[in-house]
C-alpha atoms as a PDB file:
ATOM      1  CA  MET A   1     -50.616 167.617  37.906  1.00  0.00           C
ATOM      2  CA  GLY A   2     -54.380 167.827  37.733  1.00  0.00           C
ATOM      3  CA  LEU A   3     -56.545 170.798  36.884  1.00  0.00           C
ATOM      4  CA  ILE A   4     -60.206 171.730  37.228  1.00  0.00           C
ATOM      5  CA  LYS A   5     -61.184 174.803  35.194  1.00  0.00           C
ATOM      6  CA  VAL A   6     -64.275 176.363  36.751  1.00  0.00           C
ATOM      7  CA  MET A   7     -66.406 178.803  34.765  1.00  0.00           C
ATOM      8  CA  THR A   8     -68.724 180.905  36.945  1.00  0.00           C
ATOM      9  CA  PRO A   9     -70.412 184.291  36.608  1.00  0.00           C
ATOM     10  CA  GLU A  10     -69.043 185.210  40.056  1.00  0.00           C
ATOM     11  CA  ASP A  11     -65.421 184.116  39.651  1.00  0.00           C
ATOM     12  CA  GLY A  12     -64.983 184.030  35.888  1.00  0.00           C
ATOM     13  CA  ASP A  13     -62.309 181.459  35.037  1.00  0.00           C
ATOM     14  CA  LYS A  14     -60.985 179.855  38.238  1.00  0.00           C
ATOM     15  CA  HIS A  15     -58.403 177.039  38.378  1.00  0.00           C
ATOM     16  CA  ILE A  16     -58.084 174.306  41.000  1.00  0.00           C
ATOM     17  CA  VAL A  17     -54.752 172.485  40.740  1.00  0.00           C
ATOM     18  CA  TRP A  18     -53.510 169.391  42.568  1.00  0.00           C
ATOM     19  CA  ASP A  19     -50.583 167.000  42.552  1.00  0.00           C
ATOM     20  CA  PRO A  20     -51.766 163.349  42.663  1.00  0.00           C
ATOM     21  CA  SER A  21     -48.952 162.519  45.100  1.00  0.00           C
ATOM     22  CA  ASP A  22     -50.036 165.251  47.578  1.00  0.00           C
ATOM     23  CA  GLU A  23     -52.785 163.789  49.777  1.00  0.00           C
ATOM     24  CA  ASP A  24     -53.915 167.169  51.176  1.00  0.00           C
ATOM     25  CA  GLY A  25     -54.078 168.710  47.692  1.00  0.00           C
ATOM     26  CA  VAL A  26     -56.095 165.753  46.409  1.00  0.00           C
ATOM     27  CA  LYS A  27     -58.553 166.067  49.323  1.00  0.00           C
ATOM     28  CA  LYS A  28     -59.039 169.791  48.609  1.00  0.00           C
ATOM     29  CA  ALA A  29     -59.561 169.168  44.895  1.00  0.00           C
ATOM     30  CA  LYS A  30     -62.060 166.353  45.576  1.00  0.00           C
ATOM     31  CA  LYS A  31     -63.941 168.564  48.035  1.00  0.00           C
ATOM     32  CA  ALA A  32     -64.115 171.348  45.417  1.00  0.00           C
ATOM     33  CA  PHE A  33     -65.241 168.828  42.751  1.00  0.00           C
ATOM     34  CA  ASP A  34     -67.993 167.474  45.021  1.00  0.00           C
ATOM     35  CA  LYS A  35     -69.140 170.984  45.970  1.00  0.00           C
ATOM     36  CA  LEU A  36     -69.373 172.012  42.306  1.00  0.00           C
ATOM     37  CA  SER A  37     -71.348 168.850  41.502  1.00  0.00           C
ATOM     38  CA  LYS A  38     -73.809 169.525  44.330  1.00  0.00           C
ATOM     39  CA  LYS A  39     -74.270 173.102  43.093  1.00  0.00           C
ATOM     40  CA  GLY A  40     -75.355 171.697  39.719  1.00  0.00           C
ATOM     41  CA  HIS A  41     -72.199 172.244  37.676  1.00  0.00           C
ATOM     42  CA  ARG A  42     -71.696 169.859  34.750  1.00  0.00           C
ATOM     43  CA  ILE A  43     -68.160 168.529  34.937  1.00  0.00           C
ATOM     44  CA  PHE A  44     -66.411 167.168  31.871  1.00  0.00           C
ATOM     45  CA  LYS A  45     -63.231 165.157  31.530  1.00  0.00           C
ATOM     46  CA  VAL A  46     -61.050 166.780  28.870  1.00  0.00           C
ATOM     47  CA  SER A  47     -59.627 164.486  26.215  1.00  0.00           C
ATOM     48  CA  ARG A  48     -56.267 165.375  24.715  1.00  0.00           C
ATOM     49  CA  LYS A  49     -56.930 163.177  21.683  1.00  0.00           C
ATOM     50  CA  PRO A  50     -57.981 164.953  18.472  1.00  0.00           C
ATOM     51  CA  GLN A  51     -61.652 164.801  17.494  1.00  0.00           C
ATOM     52  CA  ARG A  52     -62.798 163.427  20.843  1.00  0.00           C
ATOM     53  CA  THR A  53     -65.330 165.284  22.895  1.00  0.00           C
ATOM     54  CA  GLY A  54     -65.172 165.634  26.651  1.00  0.00           C
ATOM     55  CA  SER A  55     -67.154 163.159  28.670  1.00  0.00           C
ATOM     56  CA  PRO A  56     -69.387 164.250  31.573  1.00  0.00           C
ATOM     57  CA  VAL A  57     -68.293 162.741  34.885  1.00  0.00           C
ATOM     58  CA  THR A  58     -69.712 162.464  38.390  1.00  0.00           C
ATOM     59  CA  GLU A  59     -66.727 160.945  40.214  1.00  0.00           C
ATOM     60  CA  PHE A  60     -63.399 162.644  40.960  1.00  0.00           C
ATOM     61  CA  ASP A  61     -60.275 160.802  39.779  1.00  0.00           C
ATOM     62  CA  LYS A  62     -57.049 162.215  41.220  1.00  0.00           C
ATOM     63  CA  ASP A  63     -55.091 160.799  38.268  1.00  0.00           C
ATOM     64  CA  GLU A  64     -57.169 162.608  35.645  1.00  0.00           C
ATOM     65  CA  HIS A  65     -55.296 165.475  33.976  1.00  0.00           C
ATOM     66  CA  GLU A  66     -58.038 168.003  33.347  1.00  0.00           C
ATOM     67  CA  TYR A  67     -61.703 168.746  34.002  1.00  0.00           C
ATOM     68  CA  ILE A  68     -63.919 171.656  33.001  1.00  0.00           C
ATOM     69  CA  ALA A  69     -66.824 172.602  35.293  1.00  0.00           C
ATOM     70  CA  LEU A  70     -69.679 174.605  33.762  1.00  0.00           C
ATOM     71  CA  PRO A  71     -72.404 176.273  35.846  1.00  0.00           C
ATOM     72  CA  PRO A  72     -75.999 175.083  35.613  1.00  0.00           C
ATOM     73  CA  MET A  73     -78.037 176.609  32.835  1.00  0.00           C
ATOM     74  CA  ALA A  74     -80.688 179.076  33.926  1.00  0.00           C
ATOM     75  CA  GLY A  75     -83.822 179.134  31.870  1.00  0.00           C
ATOM     76  CA  GLY A  76     -87.150 180.762  31.929  1.00  0.00           C
END
């Protein structure tokens, strides 16, 4: 199973889940990933290994276990 954790002011903590063997689920997750990227979210691959930081990514991988999507920073 794959998971994208989305943090947004509008939705709070939202989860997008997919099964890599389910083609429709993968398409929906990729579409959500691409939409978040276009909206300026920074998306990180989560490492399950101790003392490793998440790596920012720009491409969806259906076999990845977990991503975290953070909204763009607003500054002034």
